[in-house]
Every structure is written in C-alpha cells, then in structure tokens.
Amino acid sequence: MKLNNSDCSSEILKYAFKIHSRLGPGLLESSYEECLYYELCKAGLFCEKQKPLPLVYDDVHLEIGYRLDLLVERTVIVEVKAVEAINPIHIAQVLTYMKLTNARIGLILNFHVASMKHGIRRLIL
C-alpha cells in the first residue's frame, strides 16, 4: 500500500491509539514497538523495524549503532517511547534521524501516558 506522508501518519496514529487502548501504559518500549510493527504490516504498510542507520561523514560510512525503531513506507520515522515525558533530547534524536535519512515526517509515540493523545509528537522537516 503506497500512502502519502499525511495518510501514512494517520494510519500509524490509528494503530498507536488501538494498541494503547488495549494494553495501556506500563509496558516496555519494545512491547509497543512489536505491536505497532505487527499492526502496520498487517495493514499492508511497508514497515522496517530496528533499521540500521549509518552516519555518513564526508565519504566515510560509519556503522556506529544508530537504529530507527520503525521506518514506515520509507518516509515516516517512528520513535517509540515509554517514558514520563517526551524531552528535548528525544526531539533532537528524531530530527537527526530525519536529516540523515531525508525523511520529511517523524513521529514520537510515548505510550507511558494515561491518554495516547498526550503521547504524540509530530515533527516535520
């Protein structure tokens, strides 16, 4: 299924809400990530999990261990969190990933909230 960035983001958020309503807060990030990956693949979206992200400096490719939680439809980066609050460092992390991949949209999804609507941060380059 090929979606534009806005539709892709909407689909991701739809499943984030579904997962949060079923599981609630309190689980590990990896649990939410696996569930979201499962739902997005089941929906027919192209989704890559724990995708390695090399750092390119000049002509040197540095394999230094950066990993995208999820890359959906090759255009939307999803960073899954289960933390008290989304902090500036989380935003900086996703913005850096977006710059390194030329992705236009990044979503930070924090599942450690009473209501999922308070756990969403959308970033656009």
N, C-alpha and C. Protein backbone atom coordinates (compact mmCIF):
# COMPACT_ATOMS: atom_id res chain seq x y z
N MET A 1 0.86 -1.17 0.00
CA MET A 1 0.00 0.00 0.00
C MET A 1 0.91 1.24 0.00
N LYS A 2 0.71 2.14 -0.94
CA LYS A 2 1.52 3.36 -1.02
C LYS A 2 0.64 4.54 -0.60
N LEU A 3 1.05 5.22 0.48
CA LEU A 3 0.29 6.34 1.02
C LEU A 3 1.16 7.59 0.99
N ASN A 4 0.51 8.75 0.92
CA ASN A 4 1.27 9.98 1.09
C ASN A 4 1.63 10.12 2.58
N ASN A 5 2.51 11.06 2.88
CA ASN A 5 3.01 11.20 4.26
C ASN A 5 1.90 11.44 5.28
N SER A 6 0.93 12.26 4.92
CA SER A 6 -0.15 12.57 5.85
C SER A 6 -1.02 11.35 6.12
N ASP A 7 -1.37 10.62 5.06
CA ASP A 7 -2.18 9.41 5.24
C ASP A 7 -1.41 8.35 6.00
N CYS A 8 -0.12 8.25 5.73
CA CYS A 8 0.72 7.29 6.42
C CYS A 8 0.76 7.61 7.92
N SER A 9 0.95 8.88 8.26
CA SER A 9 0.96 9.29 9.66
C SER A 9 -0.37 8.97 10.33
N SER A 10 -1.45 9.22 9.62
CA SER A 10 -2.78 8.93 10.17
C SER A 10 -2.96 7.45 10.47
N GLU A 11 -2.48 6.60 9.56
CA GLU A 11 -2.58 5.16 9.78
C GLU A 11 -1.74 4.73 10.99
N ILE A 12 -0.55 5.26 11.09
CA ILE A 12 0.32 4.94 12.23
C ILE A 12 -0.36 5.33 13.54
N LEU A 13 -0.92 6.53 13.57
CA LEU A 13 -1.58 7.01 14.79
C LEU A 13 -2.82 6.18 15.11
N LYS A 14 -3.55 5.77 14.10
CA LYS A 14 -4.73 4.93 14.31
C LYS A 14 -4.34 3.66 15.08
N TYR A 15 -3.25 3.04 14.66
CA TYR A 15 -2.83 1.81 15.32
C TYR A 15 -2.18 2.07 16.68
N ALA A 16 -1.52 3.21 16.83
CA ALA A 16 -0.97 3.56 18.14
C ALA A 16 -2.10 3.70 19.17
N PHE A 17 -3.19 4.37 18.76
CA PHE A 17 -4.35 4.51 19.65
C PHE A 17 -4.95 3.14 19.97
N LYS A 18 -5.05 2.28 18.97
CA LYS A 18 -5.61 0.94 19.17
C LYS A 18 -4.79 0.15 20.17
N ILE A 19 -3.49 0.17 19.99
CA ILE A 19 -2.59 -0.57 20.88
C ILE A 19 -2.65 -0.01 22.30
N HIS A 20 -2.62 1.31 22.41
CA HIS A 20 -2.67 1.93 23.74
C HIS A 20 -3.98 1.63 24.44
N SER A 21 -5.08 1.63 23.72
CA SER A 21 -6.37 1.36 24.36
C SER A 21 -6.46 -0.10 24.82
N ARG A 22 -5.80 -1.01 24.12
CA ARG A 22 -5.82 -2.41 24.51
C ARG A 22 -4.83 -2.72 25.63
N LEU A 23 -3.64 -2.15 25.57
CA LEU A 23 -2.58 -2.51 26.51
C LEU A 23 -2.39 -1.51 27.65
N GLY A 24 -2.70 -0.24 27.38
CA GLY A 24 -2.49 0.80 28.38
C GLY A 24 -1.01 1.08 28.59
N PRO A 25 -0.71 2.01 29.51
CA PRO A 25 0.69 2.32 29.80
C PRO A 25 1.30 1.25 30.71
N GLY A 26 2.63 1.29 30.84
CA GLY A 26 3.29 0.44 31.82
C GLY A 26 4.14 -0.68 31.26
N LEU A 27 4.10 -0.89 29.95
CA LEU A 27 4.93 -1.94 29.35
C LEU A 27 6.25 -1.36 28.85
N LEU A 28 7.14 -2.23 28.44
CA LEU A 28 8.40 -1.80 27.85
C LEU A 28 8.18 -1.24 26.44
N GLU A 29 9.08 -0.33 26.04
CA GLU A 29 9.01 0.23 24.69
C GLU A 29 8.99 -0.87 23.64
N SER A 30 9.80 -1.90 23.84
CA SER A 30 9.89 -2.97 22.84
C SER A 30 8.54 -3.67 22.63
N SER A 31 7.72 -3.76 23.66
CA SER A 31 6.41 -4.37 23.53
C SER A 31 5.52 -3.56 22.60
N TYR A 32 5.49 -2.25 22.82
CA TYR A 32 4.68 -1.38 21.96
C TYR A 32 5.21 -1.36 20.54
N GLU A 33 6.54 -1.37 20.40
CA GLU A 33 7.15 -1.37 19.08
C GLU A 33 6.76 -2.62 18.30
N GLU A 34 6.83 -3.76 18.94
CA GLU A 34 6.46 -5.02 18.28
C GLU A 34 4.99 -5.02 17.87
N CYS A 35 4.13 -4.54 18.75
CA CYS A 35 2.69 -4.50 18.44
C CYS A 35 2.42 -3.54 17.28
N LEU A 36 3.07 -2.39 17.29
CA LEU A 36 2.87 -1.43 16.21
C LEU A 36 3.40 -1.98 14.89
N TYR A 37 4.56 -2.59 14.92
CA TYR A 37 5.11 -3.22 13.73
C TYR A 37 4.14 -4.26 13.17
N TYR A 38 3.61 -5.10 14.05
CA TYR A 38 2.65 -6.13 13.66
C TYR A 38 1.41 -5.51 12.99
N GLU A 39 0.84 -4.50 13.63
CA GLU A 39 -0.38 -3.87 13.10
C GLU A 39 -0.13 -3.20 11.74
N LEU A 40 1.00 -2.50 11.62
CA LEU A 40 1.29 -1.80 10.37
C LEU A 40 1.53 -2.79 9.23
N CYS A 41 2.25 -3.86 9.50
CA CYS A 41 2.47 -4.89 8.47
C CYS A 41 1.15 -5.56 8.09
N LYS A 42 0.33 -5.86 9.10
CA LYS A 42 -0.97 -6.49 8.85
C LYS A 42 -1.85 -5.59 7.98
N ALA A 43 -1.70 -4.28 8.14
CA ALA A 43 -2.49 -3.32 7.36
C ALA A 43 -1.94 -3.14 5.94
N GLY A 44 -0.81 -3.79 5.63
CA GLY A 44 -0.25 -3.70 4.28
C GLY A 44 0.74 -2.58 4.07
N LEU A 45 1.16 -1.93 5.14
CA LEU A 45 2.16 -0.87 5.01
C LEU A 45 3.56 -1.49 5.01
N PHE A 46 4.45 -0.91 4.23
CA PHE A 46 5.84 -1.36 4.24
C PHE A 46 6.49 -0.78 5.48
N CYS A 47 6.98 -1.67 6.34
CA CYS A 47 7.50 -1.23 7.63
C CYS A 47 8.79 -1.97 7.93
N GLU A 48 9.82 -1.21 8.30
CA GLU A 48 11.09 -1.79 8.70
C GLU A 48 11.31 -1.51 10.18
N LYS A 49 11.73 -2.54 10.90
CA LYS A 49 11.90 -2.45 12.35
C LYS A 49 13.38 -2.49 12.69
N GLN A 50 13.80 -1.62 13.62
CA GLN A 50 15.19 -1.56 14.07
C GLN A 50 16.15 -1.45 12.88
N LYS A 51 15.80 -0.56 11.97
CA LYS A 51 16.57 -0.37 10.75
C LYS A 51 17.89 0.33 11.07
N PRO A 52 19.01 -0.30 10.70
CA PRO A 52 20.31 0.34 10.92
C PRO A 52 20.42 1.66 10.16
N LEU A 53 21.04 2.62 10.78
CA LEU A 53 21.20 3.95 10.18
C LEU A 53 22.67 4.35 10.29
N PRO A 54 23.41 4.22 9.19
CA PRO A 54 24.81 4.63 9.25
C PRO A 54 24.94 6.15 9.25
N LEU A 55 26.01 6.61 9.78
CA LEU A 55 26.34 8.03 9.74
C LEU A 55 27.34 8.22 8.60
N VAL A 56 27.03 9.13 7.68
CA VAL A 56 27.94 9.40 6.57
C VAL A 56 28.63 10.72 6.85
N TYR A 57 29.95 10.67 6.94
CA TYR A 57 30.75 11.86 7.18
C TYR A 57 31.75 11.96 6.05
N ASP A 58 31.66 13.03 5.27
CA ASP A 58 32.43 13.13 4.03
C ASP A 58 32.09 11.90 3.18
N ASP A 59 33.08 11.09 2.86
CA ASP A 59 32.82 9.88 2.07
C ASP A 59 32.90 8.61 2.92
N VAL A 60 32.90 8.77 4.22
CA VAL A 60 33.07 7.64 5.12
C VAL A 60 31.70 7.24 5.70
N HIS A 61 31.37 5.96 5.57
CA HIS A 61 30.15 5.41 6.17
C HIS A 61 30.53 4.80 7.52
N LEU A 62 30.00 5.38 8.58
CA LEU A 62 30.31 4.92 9.93
C LEU A 62 29.14 4.10 10.46
N GLU A 63 29.38 2.84 10.69
CA GLU A 63 28.35 1.96 11.26
C GLU A 63 28.49 2.05 12.78
N ILE A 64 27.82 3.03 13.37
CA ILE A 64 28.05 3.28 14.80
C ILE A 64 26.85 2.94 15.68
N GLY A 65 25.92 2.19 15.14
CA GLY A 65 24.87 1.65 16.00
C GLY A 65 23.58 2.43 16.10
N TYR A 66 23.37 3.44 15.25
CA TYR A 66 22.07 4.09 15.26
C TYR A 66 21.04 3.15 14.64
N ARG A 67 19.85 3.14 15.22
CA ARG A 67 18.77 2.30 14.69
C ARG A 67 17.45 3.06 14.78
N LEU A 68 16.71 3.01 13.69
CA LEU A 68 15.37 3.58 13.70
C LEU A 68 14.43 2.55 14.29
N ASP A 69 13.58 2.95 15.23
CA ASP A 69 12.60 1.99 15.76
C ASP A 69 11.79 1.43 14.62
N LEU A 70 11.11 2.33 13.89
CA LEU A 70 10.32 1.92 12.73
C LEU A 70 10.50 2.95 11.62
N LEU A 71 10.60 2.45 10.40
CA LEU A 71 10.55 3.30 9.21
C LEU A 71 9.38 2.79 8.39
N VAL A 72 8.38 3.64 8.20
CA VAL A 72 7.14 3.22 7.57
C VAL A 72 7.04 3.85 6.18
N GLU A 73 6.76 2.97 5.21
CA GLU A 73 6.63 3.40 3.81
C GLU A 73 7.85 4.18 3.33
N ARG A 74 8.99 3.90 3.92
CA ARG A 74 10.28 4.53 3.58
C ARG A 74 10.29 6.05 3.76
N THR A 75 9.27 6.60 4.41
CA THR A 75 9.17 8.06 4.52
C THR A 75 8.90 8.59 5.91
N VAL A 76 8.34 7.79 6.80
CA VAL A 76 7.97 8.27 8.13
C VAL A 76 8.76 7.50 9.18
N ILE A 77 9.50 8.23 10.00
CA ILE A 77 10.26 7.64 11.10
C ILE A 77 9.37 7.64 12.34
N VAL A 78 9.32 6.49 13.01
CA VAL A 78 8.55 6.37 14.25
C VAL A 78 9.51 5.98 15.36
N GLU A 79 9.55 6.81 16.38
CA GLU A 79 10.36 6.54 17.58
C GLU A 79 9.37 6.21 18.69
N VAL A 80 9.45 4.99 19.21
CA VAL A 80 8.54 4.52 20.24
C VAL A 80 9.19 4.75 21.60
N LYS A 81 8.43 5.35 22.50
CA LYS A 81 8.91 5.64 23.85
C LYS A 81 7.91 5.13 24.88
N ALA A 82 8.41 4.88 26.07
CA ALA A 82 7.57 4.58 27.24
C ALA A 82 8.26 5.29 28.41
N VAL A 83 8.13 6.62 28.41
CA VAL A 83 8.84 7.47 29.37
C VAL A 83 7.86 8.44 30.03
N GLU A 84 8.32 9.06 31.11
CA GLU A 84 7.46 10.02 31.82
C GLU A 84 7.02 11.17 30.92
N ALA A 85 7.95 11.66 30.09
CA ALA A 85 7.63 12.79 29.20
C ALA A 85 8.59 12.77 28.02
N ILE A 86 8.12 13.30 26.91
CA ILE A 86 8.98 13.49 25.75
C ILE A 86 9.86 14.70 26.04
N ASN A 87 11.16 14.49 25.99
CA ASN A 87 12.12 15.54 26.32
C ASN A 87 12.77 16.11 25.06
N PRO A 88 13.40 17.28 25.19
CA PRO A 88 14.09 17.86 24.03
C PRO A 88 15.10 16.92 23.38
N ILE A 89 15.75 16.05 24.15
CA ILE A 89 16.72 15.12 23.57
C ILE A 89 16.04 14.11 22.65
N HIS A 90 14.81 13.72 22.96
CA HIS A 90 14.06 12.80 22.09
C HIS A 90 13.74 13.49 20.76
N ILE A 91 13.38 14.75 20.86
CA ILE A 91 13.07 15.52 19.64
C ILE A 91 14.33 15.68 18.80
N ALA A 92 15.45 16.02 19.45
CA ALA A 92 16.71 16.17 18.73
C ALA A 92 17.11 14.86 18.06
N GLN A 93 16.92 13.76 18.74
CA GLN A 93 17.25 12.44 18.19
C GLN A 93 16.48 12.18 16.90
N VAL A 94 15.17 12.40 16.92
CA VAL A 94 14.35 12.13 15.74
C VAL A 94 14.66 13.12 14.62
N LEU A 95 14.87 14.38 14.95
CA LEU A 95 15.25 15.35 13.92
C LEU A 95 16.56 14.95 13.24
N THR A 96 17.50 14.46 14.02
CA THR A 96 18.77 13.99 13.44
C THR A 96 18.54 12.80 12.52
N TYR A 97 17.73 11.85 12.97
CA TYR A 97 17.40 10.70 12.12
C TYR A 97 16.74 11.15 10.82
N MET A 98 15.87 12.14 10.93
CA MET A 98 15.18 12.65 9.74
C MET A 98 16.17 13.27 8.76
N LYS A 99 17.11 14.03 9.28
CA LYS A 99 18.13 14.65 8.42
C LYS A 99 19.00 13.60 7.76
N LEU A 100 19.39 12.57 8.51
CA LEU A 100 20.26 11.52 7.97
C LEU A 100 19.57 10.67 6.91
N THR A 101 18.25 10.56 6.98
CA THR A 101 17.51 9.71 6.04
C THR A 101 16.73 10.50 4.99
N ASN A 102 16.70 11.82 5.12
CA ASN A 102 15.88 12.67 4.25
C ASN A 102 14.38 12.40 4.42
N ALA A 103 13.99 11.86 5.56
CA ALA A 103 12.57 11.67 5.85
C ALA A 103 11.95 13.02 6.17
N ARG A 104 10.74 13.24 5.75
CA ARG A 104 10.07 14.52 5.96
C ARG A 104 9.25 14.54 7.24
N ILE A 105 8.84 13.37 7.73
CA ILE A 105 7.98 13.31 8.91
C ILE A 105 8.56 12.33 9.93
N GLY A 106 8.52 12.75 11.19
CA GLY A 106 8.90 11.89 12.30
C GLY A 106 7.81 11.91 13.35
N LEU A 107 7.54 10.77 13.91
CA LEU A 107 6.56 10.67 14.99
C LEU A 107 7.24 10.11 16.23
N ILE A 108 7.09 10.80 17.34
CA ILE A 108 7.50 10.26 18.63
C ILE A 108 6.21 9.82 19.32
N LEU A 109 6.13 8.54 19.63
CA LEU A 109 4.93 8.00 20.27
C LEU A 109 5.30 7.51 21.66
N ASN A 110 4.83 8.22 22.67
CA ASN A 110 5.09 7.86 24.06
C ASN A 110 3.87 7.14 24.62
N PHE A 111 4.03 5.85 24.89
CA PHE A 111 2.91 5.04 25.37
C PHE A 111 2.74 5.10 26.88
N HIS A 112 3.63 5.79 27.59
CA HIS A 112 3.56 5.87 29.05
C HIS A 112 2.73 7.09 29.47
N VAL A 113 1.51 7.14 28.96
CA VAL A 113 0.59 8.24 29.24
C VAL A 113 -0.79 7.66 29.51
N ALA A 114 -1.61 8.41 30.24
CA ALA A 114 -2.97 7.95 30.52
C ALA A 114 -3.82 7.96 29.24
N SER A 115 -3.61 8.97 28.40
CA SER A 115 -4.33 9.09 27.13
C SER A 115 -3.32 9.25 26.01
N MET A 116 -3.42 8.44 24.99
CA MET A 116 -2.45 8.44 23.90
C MET A 116 -2.35 9.80 23.22
N LYS A 117 -3.43 10.56 23.23
CA LYS A 117 -3.38 11.87 22.56
C LYS A 117 -2.33 12.79 23.20
N HIS A 118 -1.94 12.51 24.44
CA HIS A 118 -0.91 13.30 25.12
C HIS A 118 0.50 12.74 24.89
N GLY A 119 0.59 11.63 24.17
CA GLY A 119 1.88 11.00 23.95
C GLY A 119 2.39 11.11 22.52
N ILE A 120 1.83 12.01 21.75
CA ILE A 120 2.19 12.12 20.33
C ILE A 120 2.93 13.42 20.07
N ARG A 121 4.06 13.30 19.40
CA ARG A 121 4.77 14.49 18.94
C ARG A 121 5.09 14.27 17.47
N ARG A 122 4.59 15.15 16.61
CA ARG A 122 4.82 15.04 15.16
C ARG A 122 5.83 16.09 14.76
N LEU A 123 6.85 15.65 14.04
CA LEU A 123 7.91 16.54 13.58
C LEU A 123 7.94 16.56 12.06
N ILE A 124 8.12 17.74 11.49
CA ILE A 124 8.15 17.90 10.04
C ILE A 124 9.38 18.69 9.66
N LEU A 125 10.11 18.20 8.64
CA LEU A 125 11.25 18.94 8.09
C LEU A 125 10.80 19.67 6.83
